[in-house]
Amino acid sequence: MELLTAKDIEGLHHTSSRSFYYSQQDRYEIWKGKESDIARDGRGTAMWYETQLEALISYNHYRKKYKTVLLGDLTGFGLADDMVSHCIIINKKLVV
């Protein structure tokens, strides 16, 4: 029995955009992966998650296909002011 399908996992994020890590690098902390795997600004996709578990599931899913990095977004994007948001960046444009 499959617990989560690829489609389920690819829909876990609450927000996505083209990557912009290098223009706002000071807001992120790398948790998994290498900085050299982070897509150049505008050349990849950034996705934000409400929970660390969602982000870890997605990180492990996407890293099978793309260079993928799991980040802590210290601005708490999309969450309460004192929380860290979870973000992954892949080296593929999935959004416009």
PDB file of N, CA and C in Angstrom:
ATOM      1  N   MET A   1       0.834  -1.175   0.000  1.00  0.00           N
ATOM      2  CA  MET A   1       0.000   0.000   0.000  1.00  0.00           C
ATOM      3  C   MET A   1       0.883   1.245   0.000  1.00  0.00           C
ATOM      4  N   GLU A   2       0.561   2.160  -0.889  1.00  0.00           N
ATOM      5  CA  GLU A   2       1.308   3.405  -0.998  1.00  0.00           C
ATOM      6  C   GLU A   2       0.648   4.454  -0.104  1.00  0.00           C
ATOM      7  N   LEU A   3       1.418   4.975   0.840  1.00  0.00           N
ATOM      8  CA  LEU A   3       0.877   5.942   1.787  1.00  0.00           C
ATOM      9  C   LEU A   3       0.642   7.296   1.121  1.00  0.00           C
ATOM     10  N   LEU A   4       1.640   7.794   0.418  1.00  0.00           N
ATOM     11  CA  LEU A   4       1.536   9.060  -0.300  1.00  0.00           C
ATOM     12  C   LEU A   4       1.973   8.857  -1.744  1.00  0.00           C
ATOM     13  N   THR A   5       1.188   9.336  -2.678  1.00  0.00           N
ATOM     14  CA  THR A   5       1.573   9.267  -4.084  1.00  0.00           C
ATOM     15  C   THR A   5       2.477  10.454  -4.414  1.00  0.00           C
ATOM     16  N   ALA A   6       3.133  10.380  -5.563  1.00  0.00           N
ATOM     17  CA  ALA A   6       3.961  11.500  -6.016  1.00  0.00           C
ATOM     18  C   ALA A   6       3.108  12.762  -6.135  1.00  0.00           C
ATOM     19  N   LYS A   7       1.901  12.619  -6.632  1.00  0.00           N
ATOM     20  CA  LYS A   7       1.002  13.769  -6.771  1.00  0.00           C
ATOM     21  C   LYS A   7       0.660  14.365  -5.402  1.00  0.00           C
ATOM     22  N   ASP A   8       0.442  13.513  -4.403  1.00  0.00           N
ATOM     23  CA  ASP A   8       0.187  13.990  -3.037  1.00  0.00           C
ATOM     24  C   ASP A   8       1.367  14.824  -2.538  1.00  0.00           C
ATOM     25  N   ILE A   9       2.561  14.296  -2.703  1.00  0.00           N
ATOM     26  CA  ILE A   9       3.769  14.958  -2.210  1.00  0.00           C
ATOM     27  C   ILE A   9       4.000  16.276  -2.944  1.00  0.00           C
ATOM     28  N   GLU A  10       3.784  16.277  -4.252  1.00  0.00           N
ATOM     29  CA  GLU A  10       4.019  17.485  -5.042  1.00  0.00           C
ATOM     30  C   GLU A  10       2.993  18.576  -4.751  1.00  0.00           C
ATOM     31  N   GLY A  11       1.962  18.269  -3.989  1.00  0.00           N
ATOM     32  CA  GLY A  11       0.967  19.259  -3.607  1.00  0.00           C
ATOM     33  C   GLY A  11       1.031  19.687  -2.155  1.00  0.00           C
ATOM     34  N   LEU A  12       2.056  19.277  -1.424  1.00  0.00           N
ATOM     35  CA  LEU A  12       2.149  19.591   0.003  1.00  0.00           C
ATOM     36  C   LEU A  12       2.496  21.045   0.309  1.00  0.00           C
ATOM     37  N   HIS A  13       3.169  21.731  -0.594  1.00  0.00           N
ATOM     38  CA  HIS A  13       3.602  23.108  -0.314  1.00  0.00           C
ATOM     39  C   HIS A  13       2.411  24.067  -0.291  1.00  0.00           C
ATOM     40  N   HIS A  14       2.557  25.149   0.475  1.00  0.00           N
ATOM     41  CA  HIS A  14       1.489  26.152   0.517  1.00  0.00           C
ATOM     42  C   HIS A  14       1.775  27.326  -0.407  1.00  0.00           C
ATOM     43  N   THR A  15       3.033  27.507  -0.805  1.00  0.00           N
ATOM     44  CA  THR A  15       3.425  28.607  -1.679  1.00  0.00           C
ATOM     45  C   THR A  15       4.606  28.157  -2.521  1.00  0.00           C
ATOM     46  N   SER A  16       4.662  28.626  -3.757  1.00  0.00           N
ATOM     47  CA  SER A  16       5.826  28.353  -4.595  1.00  0.00           C
ATOM     48  C   SER A  16       6.125  29.572  -5.459  1.00  0.00           C
ATOM     49  N   SER A  17       7.378  29.681  -5.862  1.00  0.00           N
ATOM     50  CA  SER A  17       7.798  30.776  -6.736  1.00  0.00           C
ATOM     51  C   SER A  17       9.096  30.379  -7.417  1.00  0.00           C
ATOM     52  N   ARG A  18       9.521  31.195  -8.344  1.00  0.00           N
ATOM     53  CA  ARG A  18      10.854  30.988  -8.899  1.00  0.00           C
ATOM     54  C   ARG A  18      11.860  31.234  -7.785  1.00  0.00           C
ATOM     55  N   SER A  19      12.965  30.541  -7.859  1.00  0.00           N
ATOM     56  CA  SER A  19      13.973  30.662  -6.793  1.00  0.00           C
ATOM     57  C   SER A  19      14.582  32.063  -6.767  1.00  0.00           C
ATOM     58  N   PHE A  20      14.891  32.537  -5.558  1.00  0.00           N
ATOM     59  CA  PHE A  20      15.545  33.833  -5.381  1.00  0.00           C
ATOM     60  C   PHE A  20      16.511  33.789  -4.199  1.00  0.00           C
ATOM     61  N   TYR A  21      17.064  32.633  -3.926  1.00  0.00           N
ATOM     62  CA  TYR A  21      17.945  32.426  -2.776  1.00  0.00           C
ATOM     63  C   TYR A  21      19.102  33.431  -2.752  1.00  0.00           C
ATOM     64  N   TYR A  22      19.783  33.614  -3.859  1.00  0.00           N
ATOM     65  CA  TYR A  22      21.005  34.416  -3.861  1.00  0.00           C
ATOM     66  C   TYR A  22      20.738  35.908  -3.663  1.00  0.00           C
ATOM     67  N   SER A  23      19.554  36.379  -4.018  1.00  0.00           N
ATOM     68  CA  SER A  23      19.245  37.792  -3.799  1.00  0.00           C
ATOM     69  C   SER A  23      18.785  38.069  -2.369  1.00  0.00           C
ATOM     70  N   GLN A  24      18.418  37.009  -1.614  1.00  0.00           N
ATOM     71  CA  GLN A  24      17.979  37.165  -0.224  1.00  0.00           C
ATOM     72  C   GLN A  24      18.609  36.095   0.668  1.00  0.00           C
ATOM     73  N   GLN A  25      19.846  35.787   0.413  1.00  0.00           N
ATOM     74  CA  GLN A  25      20.558  34.687   1.057  1.00  0.00           C
ATOM     75  C   GLN A  25      20.567  34.766   2.584  1.00  0.00           C
ATOM     76  N   ASP A  26      20.563  35.970   3.133  1.00  0.00           N
ATOM     77  CA  ASP A  26      20.663  36.123   4.589  1.00  0.00           C
ATOM     78  C   ASP A  26      19.421  35.643   5.334  1.00  0.00           C
ATOM     79  N   ARG A  27      18.321  35.413   4.637  1.00  0.00           N
ATOM     80  CA  ARG A  27      17.099  34.954   5.322  1.00  0.00           C
ATOM     81  C   ARG A  27      17.033  33.435   5.444  1.00  0.00           C
ATOM     82  N   TYR A  28      17.962  32.717   4.821  1.00  0.00           N
ATOM     83  CA  TYR A  28      17.915  31.255   4.781  1.00  0.00           C
ATOM     84  C   TYR A  28      19.048  30.600   5.553  1.00  0.00           C
ATOM     85  N   GLU A  29      18.767  29.407   6.029  1.00  0.00           N
ATOM     86  CA  GLU A  29      19.757  28.545   6.676  1.00  0.00           C
ATOM     87  C   GLU A  29      19.654  27.181   5.987  1.00  0.00           C
ATOM     88  N   ILE A  30      20.774  26.654   5.508  1.00  0.00           N
ATOM     89  CA  ILE A  30      20.761  25.365   4.812  1.00  0.00           C
ATOM     90  C   ILE A  30      20.694  24.245   5.843  1.00  0.00           C
ATOM     91  N   TRP A  31      19.676  23.387   5.725  1.00  0.00           N
ATOM     92  CA  TRP A  31      19.486  22.266   6.646  1.00  0.00           C
ATOM     93  C   TRP A  31      19.901  20.944   6.025  1.00  0.00           C
ATOM     94  N   LYS A  32      19.637  20.758   4.744  1.00  0.00           N
ATOM     95  CA  LYS A  32      20.049  19.536   4.041  1.00  0.00           C
ATOM     96  C   LYS A  32      20.420  19.913   2.624  1.00  0.00           C
ATOM     97  N   GLY A  33      21.454  19.266   2.121  1.00  0.00           N
ATOM     98  CA  GLY A  33      21.922  19.554   0.775  1.00  0.00           C
ATOM     99  C   GLY A  33      23.111  20.506   0.810  1.00  0.00           C
ATOM    100  N   LYS A  34      23.568  20.854  -0.381  1.00  0.00           N
ATOM    101  CA  LYS A  34      24.752  21.702  -0.517  1.00  0.00           C
ATOM    102  C   LYS A  34      24.377  23.014  -1.192  1.00  0.00           C
ATOM    103  N   GLU A  35      25.033  24.083  -0.784  1.00  0.00           N
ATOM    104  CA  GLU A  35      24.768  25.378  -1.410  1.00  0.00           C
ATOM    105  C   GLU A  35      25.018  25.326  -2.912  1.00  0.00           C
ATOM    106  N   SER A  36      25.991  24.536  -3.334  1.00  0.00           N
ATOM    107  CA  SER A  36      26.290  24.437  -4.768  1.00  0.00           C
ATOM    108  C   SER A  36      25.135  23.817  -5.560  1.00  0.00           C
ATOM    109  N   ASP A  37      24.201  23.155  -4.885  1.00  0.00           N
ATOM    110  CA  ASP A  37      23.036  22.566  -5.562  1.00  0.00           C
ATOM    111  C   ASP A  37      21.848  23.527  -5.654  1.00  0.00           C
ATOM    112  N   ILE A  38      21.962  24.703  -5.049  1.00  0.00           N
ATOM    113  CA  ILE A  38      20.853  25.662  -5.090  1.00  0.00           C
ATOM    114  C   ILE A  38      20.818  26.324  -6.462  1.00  0.00           C
ATOM    115  N   ALA A  39      19.648  26.265  -7.101  1.00  0.00           N
ATOM    116  CA  ALA A  39      19.477  26.850  -8.425  1.00  0.00           C
ATOM    117  C   ALA A  39      19.719  28.356  -8.387  1.00  0.00           C
ATOM    118  N   ARG A  40      20.327  28.874  -9.438  1.00  0.00           N
ATOM    119  CA  ARG A  40      20.522  30.313  -9.565  1.00  0.00           C
ATOM    120  C   ARG A  40      19.156  30.988  -9.543  1.00  0.00           C
ATOM    121  N   ASP A  41      19.130  32.226  -9.115  1.00  0.00           N
ATOM    122  CA  ASP A  41      17.866  32.965  -9.038  1.00  0.00           C
ATOM    123  C   ASP A  41      17.131  32.931 -10.375  1.00  0.00           C
ATOM    124  N   GLY A  42      15.846  32.566 -10.305  1.00  0.00           N
ATOM    125  CA  GLY A  42      14.998  32.503 -11.493  1.00  0.00           C
ATOM    126  C   GLY A  42      15.119  31.231 -12.305  1.00  0.00           C
ATOM    127  N   ARG A  43      16.046  30.346 -11.946  1.00  0.00           N
ATOM    128  CA  ARG A  43      16.265  29.123 -12.724  1.00  0.00           C
ATOM    129  C   ARG A  43      15.751  27.864 -12.058  1.00  0.00           C
ATOM    130  N   GLY A  44      15.180  28.003 -10.893  1.00  0.00           N
ATOM    131  CA  GLY A  44      14.637  26.858 -10.172  1.00  0.00           C
ATOM    132  C   GLY A  44      13.322  27.232  -9.518  1.00  0.00           C
ATOM    133  N   THR A  45      12.831  26.339  -8.676  1.00  0.00           N
ATOM    134  CA  THR A  45      11.566  26.556  -7.985  1.00  0.00           C
ATOM    135  C   THR A  45      11.785  26.452  -6.480  1.00  0.00           C
ATOM    136  N   ALA A  46      11.232  27.407  -5.758  1.00  0.00           N
ATOM    137  CA  ALA A  46      11.226  27.386  -4.295  1.00  0.00           C
ATOM    138  C   ALA A  46       9.812  27.043  -3.844  1.00  0.00           C
ATOM    139  N   MET A  47       9.722  26.159  -2.843  1.00  0.00           N
ATOM    140  CA  MET A  47       8.424  25.749  -2.309  1.00  0.00           C
ATOM    141  C   MET A  47       8.477  25.812  -0.792  1.00  0.00           C
ATOM    142  N   TRP A  48       7.436  26.384  -0.180  1.00  0.00           N
ATOM    143  CA  TRP A  48       7.373  26.533   1.271  1.00  0.00           C
ATOM    144  C   TRP A  48       6.344  25.590   1.864  1.00  0.00           C
ATOM    145  N   TYR A  49       6.653  25.128   3.088  1.00  0.00           N
ATOM    146  CA  TYR A  49       5.834  24.131   3.787  1.00  0.00           C
ATOM    147  C   TYR A  49       5.540  24.603   5.187  1.00  0.00           C
ATOM    148  N   GLU A  50       4.398  24.215   5.689  1.00  0.00           N
ATOM    149  CA  GLU A  50       4.000  24.595   7.039  1.00  0.00           C
ATOM    150  C   GLU A  50       4.753  23.800   8.099  1.00  0.00           C
ATOM    151  N   THR A  51       5.074  22.534   7.814  1.00  0.00           N
ATOM    152  CA  THR A  51       5.734  21.697   8.818  1.00  0.00           C
ATOM    153  C   THR A  51       7.054  21.139   8.298  1.00  0.00           C
ATOM    154  N   GLN A  52       7.907  20.796   9.238  1.00  0.00           N
ATOM    155  CA  GLN A  52       9.180  20.190   8.891  1.00  0.00           C
ATOM    156  C   GLN A  52       8.965  18.825   8.244  1.00  0.00           C
ATOM    157  N   LEU A  53       7.983  18.082   8.702  1.00  0.00           N
ATOM    158  CA  LEU A  53       7.705  16.770   8.133  1.00  0.00           C
ATOM    159  C   LEU A  53       7.324  16.873   6.655  1.00  0.00           C
ATOM    160  N   GLU A  54       6.445  17.809   6.316  1.00  0.00           N
ATOM    161  CA  GLU A  54       6.079  18.009   4.908  1.00  0.00           C
ATOM    162  C   GLU A  54       7.307  18.348   4.069  1.00  0.00           C
ATOM    163  N   ALA A  55       8.151  19.223   4.602  1.00  0.00           N
ATOM    164  CA  ALA A  55       9.356  19.634   3.879  1.00  0.00           C
ATOM    165  C   ALA A  55      10.328  18.466   3.699  1.00  0.00           C
ATOM    166  N   LEU A  56      10.497  17.647   4.730  1.00  0.00           N
ATOM    167  CA  LEU A  56      11.399  16.486   4.631  1.00  0.00           C
ATOM    168  C   LEU A  56      10.884  15.453   3.626  1.00  0.00           C
ATOM    169  N   ILE A  57       9.593  15.197   3.648  1.00  0.00           N
ATOM    170  CA  ILE A  57       8.997  14.262   2.680  1.00  0.00           C
ATOM    171  C   ILE A  57       9.235  14.773   1.265  1.00  0.00           C
ATOM    172  N   SER A  58       8.985  16.065   1.059  1.00  0.00           N
ATOM    173  CA  SER A  58       9.159  16.657  -0.270  1.00  0.00           C
ATOM    174  C   SER A  58      10.627  16.692  -0.686  1.00  0.00           C
ATOM    175  N   TYR A  59      11.505  17.036   0.240  1.00  0.00           N
ATOM    176  CA  TYR A  59      12.946  17.036  -0.047  1.00  0.00           C
ATOM    177  C   TYR A  59      13.388  15.668  -0.542  1.00  0.00           C
ATOM    178  N   ASN A  60      13.005  14.622   0.164  1.00  0.00           N
ATOM    179  CA  ASN A  60      13.408  13.268  -0.225  1.00  0.00           C
ATOM    180  C   ASN A  60      12.770  12.823  -1.540  1.00  0.00           C
ATOM    181  N   HIS A  61      11.584  13.307  -1.825  1.00  0.00           N
ATOM    182  CA  HIS A  61      10.922  13.002  -3.098  1.00  0.00           C
ATOM    183  C   HIS A  61      11.646  13.692  -4.263  1.00  0.00           C
ATOM    184  N   TYR A  62      11.848  14.996  -4.145  1.00  0.00           N
ATOM    185  CA  TYR A  62      12.420  15.760  -5.254  1.00  0.00           C
ATOM    186  C   TYR A  62      13.900  15.477  -5.483  1.00  0.00           C
ATOM    187  N   ARG A  63      14.643  15.132  -4.452  1.00  0.00           N
ATOM    188  CA  ARG A  63      16.089  14.915  -4.642  1.00  0.00           C
ATOM    189  C   ARG A  63      16.389  13.672  -5.475  1.00  0.00           C
ATOM    190  N   LYS A  64      15.389  12.831  -5.679  1.00  0.00           N
ATOM    191  CA  LYS A  64      15.570  11.675  -6.564  1.00  0.00           C
ATOM    192  C   LYS A  64      15.618  12.102  -8.030  1.00  0.00           C
ATOM    193  N   LYS A  65      15.046  13.286  -8.340  1.00  0.00           N
ATOM    194  CA  LYS A  65      14.964  13.753  -9.725  1.00  0.00           C
ATOM    195  C   LYS A  65      15.791  15.007 -10.004  1.00  0.00           C
ATOM    196  N   TYR A  66      15.992  15.850  -8.993  1.00  0.00           N
ATOM    197  CA  TYR A  66      16.618  17.157  -9.189  1.00  0.00           C
ATOM    198  C   TYR A  66      17.628  17.440  -8.083  1.00  0.00           C
ATOM    199  N   LYS A  67      18.509  18.398  -8.349  1.00  0.00           N
ATOM    200  CA  LYS A  67      19.340  18.917  -7.263  1.00  0.00           C
ATOM    201  C   LYS A  67      18.393  19.657  -6.337  1.00  0.00           C
ATOM    202  N   THR A  68      18.398  19.295  -5.062  1.00  0.00           N
ATOM    203  CA  THR A  68      17.410  19.799  -4.106  1.00  0.00           C
ATOM    204  C   THR A  68      18.089  20.173  -2.794  1.00  0.00           C
ATOM    205  N   VAL A  69      17.650  21.282  -2.218  1.00  0.00           N
ATOM    206  CA  VAL A  69      18.188  21.741  -0.941  1.00  0.00           C
ATOM    207  C   VAL A  69      17.014  22.081  -0.018  1.00  0.00           C
ATOM    208  N   LEU A  70      17.124  21.668   1.236  1.00  0.00           N
ATOM    209  CA  LEU A  70      16.128  21.988   2.260  1.00  0.00           C
ATOM    210  C   LEU A  70      16.665  23.146   3.088  1.00  0.00           C
ATOM    211  N   LEU A  71      15.845  24.183   3.227  1.00  0.00           N
ATOM    212  CA  LEU A  71      16.260  25.401   3.911  1.00  0.00           C
ATOM    213  C   LEU A  71      15.294  25.768   5.022  1.00  0.00           C
ATOM    214  N   GLY A  72      15.811  26.450   6.023  1.00  0.00           N
ATOM    215  CA  GLY A  72      14.971  27.127   6.987  1.00  0.00           C
ATOM    216  C   GLY A  72      14.844  28.567   6.536  1.00  0.00           C
ATOM    217  N   ASP A  73      13.628  29.048   6.370  1.00  0.00           N
ATOM    218  CA  ASP A  73      13.387  30.441   6.003  1.00  0.00           C
ATOM    219  C   ASP A  73      13.157  31.190   7.304  1.00  0.00           C
ATOM    220  N   LEU A  74      14.139  31.945   7.722  1.00  0.00           N
ATOM    221  CA  LEU A  74      14.125  32.576   9.034  1.00  0.00           C
ATOM    222  C   LEU A  74      13.116  33.712   9.146  1.00  0.00           C
ATOM    223  N   THR A  75      12.514  34.103   8.034  1.00  0.00           N
ATOM    224  CA  THR A  75      11.467  35.132   8.083  1.00  0.00           C
ATOM    225  C   THR A  75      10.147  34.538   8.549  1.00  0.00           C
ATOM    226  N   GLY A  76      10.038  33.190   8.556  1.00  0.00           N
ATOM    227  CA  GLY A  76       8.788  32.543   8.933  1.00  0.00           C
ATOM    228  C   GLY A  76       7.717  32.720   7.888  1.00  0.00           C
ATOM    229  N   PHE A  77       8.113  32.864   6.634  1.00  0.00           N
ATOM    230  CA  PHE A  77       7.200  33.144   5.526  1.00  0.00           C
ATOM    231  C   PHE A  77       5.932  32.299   5.615  1.00  0.00           C
ATOM    232  N   GLY A  78       4.804  32.961   5.708  1.00  0.00           N
ATOM    233  CA  GLY A  78       3.521  32.272   5.752  1.00  0.00           C
ATOM    234  C   GLY A  78       3.116  31.771   7.120  1.00  0.00           C
ATOM    235  N   LEU A  79       3.952  31.997   8.142  1.00  0.00           N
ATOM    236  CA  LEU A  79       3.660  31.499   9.487  1.00  0.00           C
ATOM    237  C   LEU A  79       3.675  32.655  10.486  1.00  0.00           C
ATOM    238  N   ALA A  80       3.429  32.348  11.735  1.00  0.00           N
ATOM    239  CA  ALA A  80       3.493  33.364  12.792  1.00  0.00           C
ATOM    240  C   ALA A  80       4.902  33.954  12.858  1.00  0.00           C
ATOM    241  N   ASP A  81       5.016  35.165  13.360  1.00  0.00           N
ATOM    242  CA  ASP A  81       6.276  35.909  13.345  1.00  0.00           C
ATOM    243  C   ASP A  81       7.460  35.199  13.984  1.00  0.00           C
ATOM    244  N   ASP A  82       7.231  34.384  15.006  1.00  0.00           N
ATOM    245  CA  ASP A  82       8.341  33.759  15.725  1.00  0.00           C
ATOM    246  C   ASP A  82       8.680  32.365  15.215  1.00  0.00           C
ATOM    247  N   MET A  83       8.112  31.958  14.092  1.00  0.00           N
ATOM    248  CA  MET A  83       8.336  30.610  13.579  1.00  0.00           C
ATOM    249  C   MET A  83       9.257  30.630  12.359  1.00  0.00           C
ATOM    250  N   VAL A  84       9.952  29.531  12.150  1.00  0.00           N
ATOM    251  CA  VAL A  84      10.777  29.342  10.967  1.00  0.00           C
ATOM    252  C   VAL A  84       9.963  28.539   9.964  1.00  0.00           C
ATOM    253  N   SER A  85       9.935  29.015   8.743  1.00  0.00           N
ATOM    254  CA  SER A  85       9.245  28.294   7.677  1.00  0.00           C
ATOM    255  C   SER A  85      10.234  27.335   7.026  1.00  0.00           C
ATOM    256  N   HIS A  86       9.727  26.302   6.408  1.00  0.00           N
ATOM    257  CA  HIS A  86      10.553  25.288   5.765  1.00  0.00           C
ATOM    258  C   HIS A  86      10.418  25.431   4.254  1.00  0.00           C
ATOM    259  N   CYS A  87      11.539  25.408   3.575  1.00  0.00           N
ATOM    260  CA  CYS A  87      11.554  25.672   2.134  1.00  0.00           C
ATOM    261  C   CYS A  87      12.483  24.680   1.452  1.00  0.00           C
ATOM    262  N   ILE A  88      12.100  24.235   0.265  1.00  0.00           N
ATOM    263  CA  ILE A  88      13.045  23.510  -0.571  1.00  0.00           C
ATOM    264  C   ILE A  88      13.197  24.274  -1.878  1.00  0.00           C
ATOM    265  N   ILE A  89      14.369  24.155  -2.468  1.00  0.00           N
ATOM    266  CA  ILE A  89      14.623  24.718  -3.791  1.00  0.00           C
ATOM    267  C   ILE A  89      15.129  23.581  -4.664  1.00  0.00           C
ATOM    268  N   ILE A  90      14.507  23.455  -5.840  1.00  0.00           N
ATOM    269  CA  ILE A  90      14.946  22.464  -6.813  1.00  0.00           C
ATOM    270  C   ILE A  90      15.464  23.192  -8.048  1.00  0.00           C
ATOM    271  N   ASN A  91      16.311  22.526  -8.819  1.00  0.00           N
ATOM    272  CA  ASN A  91      16.906  23.154  -9.988  1.00  0.00           C
ATOM    273  C   ASN A  91      16.068  22.930 -11.257  1.00  0.00           C
ATOM    274  N   LYS A  92      14.773  23.033 -11.103  1.00  0.00           N
ATOM    275  CA  LYS A  92      13.827  22.888 -12.231  1.00  0.00           C
ATOM    276  C   LYS A  92      12.744  23.928 -12.055  1.00  0.00           C
ATOM    277  N   LYS A  93      12.391  24.615 -13.146  1.00  0.00           N
ATOM    278  CA  LYS A  93      11.298  25.579 -13.088  1.00  0.00           C
ATOM    279  C   LYS A  93       9.991  24.827 -13.195  1.00  0.00           C
ATOM    280  N   LEU A  94       9.207  24.831 -12.123  1.00  0.00           N
ATOM    281  CA  LEU A  94       7.888  24.207 -12.123  1.00  0.00           C
ATOM    282  C   LEU A  94       6.783  25.244 -12.154  1.00  0.00           C
ATOM    283  N   VAL A  95       7.130  26.515 -11.894  1.00  0.00           N
ATOM    284  CA  VAL A  95       6.146  27.595 -11.861  1.00  0.00           C
ATOM    285  C   VAL A  95       6.619  28.732 -12.755  1.00  0.00           C
ATOM    286  N   VAL A  96       5.689  29.573 -13.125  1.00  0.00           N
ATOM    287  CA  VAL A  96       6.033  30.736 -13.966  1.00  0.00           C
ATOM    288  C   VAL A  96       6.415  31.908 -13.110  1.00  0.00           C
TER     289      VAL A  96
END
